[in-house]
């Protein structure tokens, strides 16, 4: 498995039509007024976070440092 992750480490993007939540996890705006992205910790689970669009999701990932230290494989000689 890439990076040694497990299913518990993964998140899943859910179709917007399948859920309804009010505020963006990142900026606090109403997600229904935009192009919402819903995230769940299980493939068919209830959303745990929601974002106005992929821009807010990307900004949240950057500010929270969620990609720091997450490389599949890398060596200085490659």
N, C-alpha and C. Protein backbone atom coordinates (compact mmCIF):
# COMPACT_ATOMS: atom_id res chain seq x y z
N UNK A 1 0.84 -1.17 0.00
CA UNK A 1 0.00 0.00 0.00
C UNK A 1 0.88 1.24 0.00
N UNK A 2 0.55 2.20 -0.79
CA UNK A 2 1.34 3.41 -0.95
C UNK A 2 1.41 4.20 0.35
N UNK A 3 2.61 4.50 0.81
CA UNK A 3 2.79 5.34 1.98
C UNK A 3 2.40 4.68 3.29
N UNK A 4 2.05 3.41 3.24
CA UNK A 4 1.66 2.71 4.46
C UNK A 4 0.33 3.15 5.02
N UNK A 5 -0.51 3.80 4.21
CA UNK A 5 -1.80 4.25 4.72
C UNK A 5 -2.76 3.09 4.84
N UNK A 6 -3.76 3.28 5.66
CA UNK A 6 -4.81 2.29 5.82
C UNK A 6 -6.13 2.91 5.42
N UNK A 7 -7.18 2.11 5.34
CA UNK A 7 -8.48 2.67 5.01
C UNK A 7 -8.91 3.75 6.00
N UNK A 8 -8.47 3.65 7.24
CA UNK A 8 -8.81 4.65 8.25
C UNK A 8 -8.18 6.00 7.95
N UNK A 9 -7.10 6.02 7.15
CA UNK A 9 -6.41 7.27 6.81
C UNK A 9 -7.03 7.98 5.62
N UNK A 10 -7.94 7.35 4.93
CA UNK A 10 -8.46 7.88 3.68
C UNK A 10 -9.73 8.69 3.90
N UNK A 11 -9.98 9.62 2.97
CA UNK A 11 -11.24 10.34 2.94
C UNK A 11 -11.85 10.16 1.57
N UNK A 12 -13.13 10.36 1.48
CA UNK A 12 -13.85 10.13 0.23
C UNK A 12 -14.70 11.34 -0.10
N UNK A 13 -14.71 11.74 -1.37
CA UNK A 13 -15.54 12.84 -1.83
C UNK A 13 -16.90 12.26 -2.20
N UNK A 14 -17.95 12.83 -1.64
CA UNK A 14 -19.30 12.34 -1.88
C UNK A 14 -20.01 13.21 -2.90
N UNK A 15 -20.95 12.66 -3.67
CA UNK A 15 -21.72 13.46 -4.63
C UNK A 15 -22.54 14.51 -3.89
N UNK A 16 -22.59 15.71 -4.43
CA UNK A 16 -23.29 16.81 -3.76
C UNK A 16 -24.77 16.52 -3.56
N UNK A 17 -25.39 15.82 -4.49
CA UNK A 17 -26.82 15.55 -4.40
C UNK A 17 -27.16 14.60 -3.25
N UNK A 18 -26.18 13.89 -2.71
CA UNK A 18 -26.47 12.88 -1.70
C UNK A 18 -26.50 13.44 -0.27
N UNK A 19 -26.09 14.69 -0.09
CA UNK A 19 -26.04 15.25 1.26
C UNK A 19 -26.48 16.70 1.26
N UNK A 20 -26.76 17.22 2.43
CA UNK A 20 -27.13 18.62 2.57
C UNK A 20 -26.59 19.14 3.90
N UNK A 21 -25.65 20.06 3.83
CA UNK A 21 -25.09 20.67 5.03
C UNK A 21 -25.03 22.17 4.80
N UNK A 22 -24.92 22.93 5.86
CA UNK A 22 -25.07 24.37 5.75
C UNK A 22 -23.78 25.15 5.51
N UNK A 23 -22.78 25.02 6.37
CA UNK A 23 -21.63 25.93 6.33
C UNK A 23 -20.34 25.24 5.91
N UNK A 24 -19.53 25.98 5.15
CA UNK A 24 -18.22 25.51 4.71
C UNK A 24 -17.29 25.35 5.91
N UNK A 25 -16.61 24.23 5.98
CA UNK A 25 -15.67 23.96 7.07
C UNK A 25 -14.54 24.98 7.07
N UNK A 26 -14.15 25.47 5.89
CA UNK A 26 -13.02 26.39 5.79
C UNK A 26 -13.43 27.85 6.01
N UNK A 27 -14.40 28.35 5.24
CA UNK A 27 -14.70 29.79 5.29
C UNK A 27 -15.99 30.15 6.00
N UNK A 28 -16.85 29.16 6.27
CA UNK A 28 -18.09 29.43 7.00
C UNK A 28 -19.26 29.86 6.14
N UNK A 29 -19.06 30.02 4.82
CA UNK A 29 -20.16 30.40 3.93
C UNK A 29 -21.10 29.22 3.71
N UNK A 30 -22.29 29.51 3.26
CA UNK A 30 -23.25 28.46 2.94
C UNK A 30 -22.76 27.68 1.72
N UNK A 31 -22.57 26.37 1.87
CA UNK A 31 -22.07 25.57 0.76
C UNK A 31 -23.12 25.41 -0.34
N UNK A 32 -24.39 25.50 0.01
CA UNK A 32 -25.47 25.33 -0.98
C UNK A 32 -25.46 26.43 -2.03
N UNK A 33 -24.87 27.59 -1.73
CA UNK A 33 -24.83 28.71 -2.66
C UNK A 33 -23.68 28.59 -3.65
N UNK A 34 -22.88 27.54 -3.54
CA UNK A 34 -21.69 27.38 -4.37
C UNK A 34 -21.69 26.01 -5.04
N UNK A 35 -20.51 25.51 -5.35
CA UNK A 35 -20.34 24.18 -5.95
C UNK A 35 -19.75 23.28 -4.87
N UNK A 36 -20.58 22.76 -3.95
CA UNK A 36 -20.08 22.11 -2.73
C UNK A 36 -19.31 20.81 -2.96
N UNK A 37 -18.39 20.56 -2.03
CA UNK A 37 -17.62 19.32 -1.98
C UNK A 37 -17.83 18.76 -0.58
N UNK A 38 -18.30 17.52 -0.50
CA UNK A 38 -18.53 16.87 0.79
C UNK A 38 -17.51 15.76 0.98
N UNK A 39 -16.95 15.67 2.18
CA UNK A 39 -15.91 14.69 2.49
C UNK A 39 -16.39 13.76 3.60
N UNK A 40 -16.10 12.47 3.43
CA UNK A 40 -16.44 11.47 4.43
C UNK A 40 -15.22 10.62 4.72
N UNK A 41 -15.19 10.01 5.90
CA UNK A 41 -14.08 9.12 6.26
C UNK A 41 -14.33 7.69 5.81
N UNK A 42 -15.53 7.40 5.30
CA UNK A 42 -15.86 6.08 4.78
C UNK A 42 -16.52 6.24 3.42
N UNK A 43 -16.38 5.25 2.52
CA UNK A 43 -16.90 5.39 1.15
C UNK A 43 -18.40 5.70 1.09
N UNK A 44 -19.19 5.09 1.94
CA UNK A 44 -20.63 5.31 1.92
C UNK A 44 -21.13 5.97 3.19
N UNK A 45 -20.23 6.67 3.88
CA UNK A 45 -20.57 7.23 5.18
C UNK A 45 -21.16 8.62 5.12
N UNK A 46 -21.52 9.10 6.30
CA UNK A 46 -22.04 10.44 6.46
C UNK A 46 -20.89 11.44 6.33
N UNK A 47 -21.11 12.59 5.67
CA UNK A 47 -20.04 13.58 5.52
C UNK A 47 -19.55 14.09 6.87
N UNK A 48 -18.25 14.24 6.98
CA UNK A 48 -17.66 14.77 8.19
C UNK A 48 -17.24 16.23 8.03
N UNK A 49 -16.98 16.65 6.79
CA UNK A 49 -16.67 18.05 6.50
C UNK A 49 -17.27 18.41 5.15
N UNK A 50 -17.43 19.71 4.92
CA UNK A 50 -17.97 20.18 3.65
C UNK A 50 -17.29 21.50 3.30
N UNK A 51 -17.17 21.74 1.99
CA UNK A 51 -16.49 22.94 1.51
C UNK A 51 -17.30 23.57 0.38
N UNK A 52 -17.20 24.89 0.22
CA UNK A 52 -17.92 25.61 -0.84
C UNK A 52 -17.57 25.06 -2.21
N UNK A 53 -16.28 24.76 -2.39
CA UNK A 53 -15.76 24.30 -3.68
C UNK A 53 -14.37 23.73 -3.44
N UNK A 54 -13.73 23.31 -4.51
CA UNK A 54 -12.40 22.74 -4.37
C UNK A 54 -11.35 23.78 -3.93
N UNK A 55 -11.61 25.06 -4.16
CA UNK A 55 -10.70 26.10 -3.70
C UNK A 55 -10.61 26.14 -2.18
N UNK A 56 -11.78 26.10 -1.51
CA UNK A 56 -11.78 26.08 -0.04
C UNK A 56 -11.17 24.79 0.49
N UNK A 57 -11.45 23.68 -0.18
CA UNK A 57 -10.85 22.40 0.22
C UNK A 57 -9.33 22.48 0.11
N UNK A 58 -8.83 23.01 -1.00
CA UNK A 58 -7.39 23.13 -1.21
C UNK A 58 -6.75 24.05 -0.17
N UNK A 59 -7.39 25.18 0.11
CA UNK A 59 -6.86 26.11 1.12
C UNK A 59 -6.83 25.46 2.49
N UNK A 60 -7.86 24.70 2.83
CA UNK A 60 -7.90 23.99 4.11
C UNK A 60 -6.76 22.98 4.20
N UNK A 61 -6.52 22.23 3.14
CA UNK A 61 -5.44 21.24 3.10
C UNK A 61 -4.09 21.93 3.32
N UNK A 62 -3.87 23.05 2.62
CA UNK A 62 -2.61 23.78 2.75
C UNK A 62 -2.41 24.34 4.16
N UNK A 63 -3.42 25.03 4.69
CA UNK A 63 -3.28 25.67 6.00
C UNK A 63 -3.16 24.66 7.14
N UNK A 64 -3.80 23.50 7.00
CA UNK A 64 -3.73 22.48 8.05
C UNK A 64 -2.50 21.60 7.90
N UNK A 65 -1.75 21.78 6.81
CA UNK A 65 -0.54 20.98 6.59
C UNK A 65 -0.84 19.50 6.41
N UNK A 66 -1.96 19.19 5.79
CA UNK A 66 -2.38 17.79 5.66
C UNK A 66 -1.54 16.96 4.70
N UNK A 67 -0.72 17.61 3.87
CA UNK A 67 0.12 16.85 2.95
C UNK A 67 1.57 16.74 3.43
N UNK A 68 1.90 17.40 4.52
CA UNK A 68 3.26 17.36 5.05
C UNK A 68 3.62 15.94 5.48
N UNK A 69 4.72 15.45 4.92
CA UNK A 69 5.19 14.11 5.27
C UNK A 69 4.44 12.98 4.61
N UNK A 70 3.69 13.26 3.56
CA UNK A 70 2.93 12.21 2.90
C UNK A 70 3.45 11.96 1.50
N UNK A 71 4.52 11.22 1.40
CA UNK A 71 5.07 10.84 0.10
C UNK A 71 5.02 9.32 -0.01
N UNK A 72 4.64 8.83 -1.18
CA UNK A 72 4.59 7.37 -1.36
C UNK A 72 5.98 6.78 -1.23
N UNK A 73 6.88 7.21 -2.08
CA UNK A 73 8.27 6.76 -2.02
C UNK A 73 9.14 7.86 -2.60
N UNK A 74 10.24 8.15 -1.92
CA UNK A 74 11.18 9.15 -2.43
C UNK A 74 12.53 8.90 -1.80
N UNK A 75 13.54 9.02 -2.60
CA UNK A 75 14.91 8.91 -2.12
C UNK A 75 15.74 9.95 -2.85
N UNK A 76 16.70 10.58 -2.19
CA UNK A 76 17.51 11.63 -2.83
C UNK A 76 18.26 11.14 -4.06
N UNK A 77 18.46 9.84 -4.17
CA UNK A 77 19.19 9.31 -5.33
C UNK A 77 18.30 9.04 -6.52
N UNK A 78 17.00 9.15 -6.37
CA UNK A 78 16.09 8.88 -7.50
C UNK A 78 15.97 10.06 -8.40
